[in-house]
Amino acid sequence: MIFTGTLTMRSHKVKTSRQLGLSAVRLALDKKAFNPVLLDVRPWRTLMDYILVVSAQSTKQAQTISTHIKDHIKKENKHPLSIEG
């Protein structure tokens, strides 16, 4: 999942892209993802700040992790720039 910029929450608190990325890591770990890597690509990319890469034991588990993260991010009125895999 790719997250960009500084994000505003419904509660009007500002959540940075780093905080959002770390939240996504915690959500992935809730669904038993392993080897999470949150890559800081700010020095090289203007479109995104972080890329989250996680591993799963099966395709079904990977889909569950992705759905879990998307659902929680959507509750904050945010949307990932893209989802791969």
Protein backbone atom coordinates (compact mmCIF):
# COMPACT_ATOMS: atom_id res chain seq x y z
CA MET A 1 0.00 0.00 0.00
CA ILE A 2 1.21 3.48 -0.74
CA PHE A 3 0.34 6.51 1.40
CA THR A 4 1.06 10.13 0.62
CA GLY A 5 1.24 13.53 2.30
CA THR A 6 -0.13 14.86 5.56
CA LEU A 7 -3.62 13.58 6.24
CA THR A 8 -6.46 15.16 8.17
CA MET A 9 -8.56 12.94 10.39
CA ARG A 10 -12.30 13.26 11.01
CA SER A 11 -11.51 14.51 14.50
CA HIS A 12 -9.58 17.36 12.82
CA LYS A 13 -6.30 16.08 14.21
CA VAL A 14 -3.48 15.92 11.71
CA LYS A 15 -2.06 12.49 11.03
CA THR A 16 1.19 12.43 9.09
CA SER A 17 1.91 9.90 6.39
CA ARG A 18 4.43 8.28 8.74
CA GLN A 19 1.79 7.83 11.44
CA LEU A 20 -0.62 6.43 8.87
CA GLY A 21 2.05 4.03 7.59
CA LEU A 22 2.85 2.85 11.11
CA SER A 23 -0.86 2.33 11.74
CA ALA A 24 -0.99 0.19 8.60
CA VAL A 25 1.95 -1.88 9.90
CA ARG A 26 0.10 -2.51 13.19
CA LEU A 27 -3.07 -3.45 11.30
CA ALA A 28 -1.11 -5.89 9.13
CA LEU A 29 0.48 -7.47 12.20
CA ASP A 30 -3.02 -7.85 13.71
CA LYS A 31 -3.76 -10.22 10.83
CA LYS A 32 -0.52 -12.18 11.32
CA ALA A 33 1.49 -10.60 8.52
CA PHE A 34 5.22 -11.11 8.83
CA ASN A 35 8.37 -9.29 7.72
CA PRO A 36 6.73 -5.84 7.56
CA VAL A 37 8.86 -3.17 5.92
CA LEU A 38 7.82 0.48 5.80
CA LEU A 39 10.04 2.12 3.20
CA ASP A 40 10.59 5.87 3.40
CA VAL A 41 10.80 6.98 -0.24
CA ARG A 42 10.42 10.73 0.32
CA PRO A 43 13.94 11.54 -0.94
CA TRP A 44 13.24 9.83 -4.29
CA ARG A 45 9.52 10.24 -4.97
CA THR A 46 7.22 13.24 -5.00
CA LEU A 47 4.00 11.25 -5.36
CA MET A 48 4.39 9.12 -2.23
CA ASP A 49 6.08 9.16 1.14
CA TYR A 50 6.07 5.52 2.27
CA ILE A 51 5.62 2.08 0.80
CA LEU A 52 4.45 -0.75 3.04
CA VAL A 53 5.54 -4.27 2.13
CA VAL A 54 4.39 -7.28 4.16
CA SER A 55 4.48 -11.04 3.67
CA ALA A 56 1.70 -13.58 4.14
CA GLN A 57 1.56 -17.35 4.16
CA SER A 58 -1.19 -17.58 1.52
CA THR A 59 -3.06 -15.57 -1.06
CA LYS A 60 -6.16 -15.62 1.14
CA GLN A 61 -4.20 -14.23 4.10
CA ALA A 62 -2.70 -11.50 1.89
CA GLN A 63 -6.20 -10.51 0.75
CA THR A 64 -7.42 -10.48 4.36
CA ILE A 65 -4.52 -8.25 5.43
CA SER A 66 -5.14 -5.86 2.55
CA THR A 67 -8.88 -5.69 3.23
CA HIS A 68 -8.29 -5.13 6.96
CA ILE A 69 -5.96 -2.20 6.27
CA LYS A 70 -8.23 -0.69 3.59
CA ASP A 71 -11.29 -0.89 5.86
CA HIS A 72 -9.55 0.87 8.75
CA ILE A 73 -7.99 3.52 6.52
CA LYS A 74 -11.36 4.12 4.86
CA LYS A 75 -12.90 4.79 8.32
CA GLU A 76 -10.46 7.73 8.53
CA ASN A 77 -11.68 8.99 5.11
CA LYS A 78 -8.31 8.14 3.55
CA HIS A 79 -7.55 5.96 0.57
CA PRO A 80 -4.30 4.24 -0.42
CA LEU A 81 -2.77 5.53 -3.63
CA SER A 82 -2.41 1.97 -4.91
CA ILE A 83 -2.44 -1.65 -3.80
CA GLU A 84 -0.29 -4.31 -5.43
CA GLY A 85 -0.25 -8.06 -4.99
